[in-house]
Amino acid sequence: MILTRFERARILGARALQISLGAPSLLLSEAIAEPLDIAIRELASGRGPLSVSRFRDAFD
């Protein structure tokens, strides 16, 4: 699935907030210190815990 820039921003922001509040990272290497960098790498690797649900408009 291709994410829009808005979906990507929402997922990265939410995951970075979770990591900054103490959620464990799903990556093996913990060398990165910034939560946003960790969230970006998780999303790029496809191992992030968040997903996108799209609903079709009821008025189509």
Protein backbone atom coordinates (compact mmCIF):
# COMPACT_ATOMS: atom_id res chain seq x y z
CA MET A 1 0.00 0.00 0.00
CA ILE A 2 1.28 3.43 -0.91
CA LEU A 3 0.85 5.97 1.87
CA THR A 4 -0.11 9.57 1.26
CA ARG A 5 2.09 12.24 2.79
CA PHE A 6 -0.61 12.88 5.39
CA GLU A 7 -0.83 9.22 6.42
CA ARG A 8 2.95 9.02 6.59
CA ALA A 9 3.19 12.14 8.76
CA ARG A 10 0.47 10.87 11.10
CA ILE A 11 2.08 7.44 11.50
CA LEU A 12 5.58 8.86 12.05
CA GLY A 13 4.34 11.42 14.56
CA ALA A 14 2.30 8.91 16.53
CA ARG A 15 5.09 6.32 16.61
CA ALA A 16 7.75 8.90 17.55
CA LEU A 17 5.54 10.01 20.44
CA GLN A 18 5.14 6.41 21.61
CA ILE A 19 8.89 5.83 21.47
CA SER A 20 9.64 9.06 23.33
CA LEU A 21 7.23 8.00 26.09
CA GLY A 22 9.07 4.71 26.57
CA ALA A 23 7.58 2.23 24.09
CA PRO A 24 10.13 -0.35 22.96
CA SER A 25 11.58 -0.06 19.49
CA LEU A 26 10.98 -2.91 17.07
CA LEU A 27 14.41 -2.55 15.49
CA LEU A 28 17.39 -4.59 16.58
CA SER A 29 19.91 -1.76 16.64
CA GLU A 30 19.40 0.92 19.29
CA ALA A 31 22.25 3.17 18.13
CA ILE A 32 19.83 5.92 17.08
CA ALA A 33 18.88 8.36 19.82
CA GLU A 34 16.09 10.41 18.21
CA PRO A 35 12.54 8.95 18.39
CA LEU A 36 11.63 10.34 14.97
CA ASP A 37 14.65 8.66 13.35
CA ILE A 38 13.67 5.35 14.95
CA ALA A 39 10.08 5.76 13.70
CA ILE A 40 11.30 6.53 10.17
CA ARG A 41 13.50 3.44 10.12
CA GLU A 42 10.67 1.27 11.46
CA LEU A 43 8.31 2.52 8.76
CA ALA A 44 10.93 2.01 6.04
CA SER A 45 11.62 -1.53 7.18
CA GLY A 46 7.92 -2.39 7.35
CA ARG A 47 8.14 -3.51 10.97
CA GLY A 48 6.16 -0.69 12.52
CA PRO A 49 3.17 -1.59 14.71
CA LEU A 50 0.82 1.00 13.21
CA SER A 51 -1.28 0.52 10.08
CA VAL A 52 -3.70 2.53 7.94
CA SER A 53 -7.36 1.64 7.41
CA ARG A 54 -9.06 3.35 4.53
CA PHE A 55 -12.81 3.48 4.24
CA ARG A 56 -14.63 4.12 1.04
CA ASP A 57 -16.88 7.17 1.00
CA ALA A 58 -20.53 6.19 1.58
CA PHE A 59 -21.78 8.81 -0.86
CA ASP A 60 -20.04 7.54 -4.01
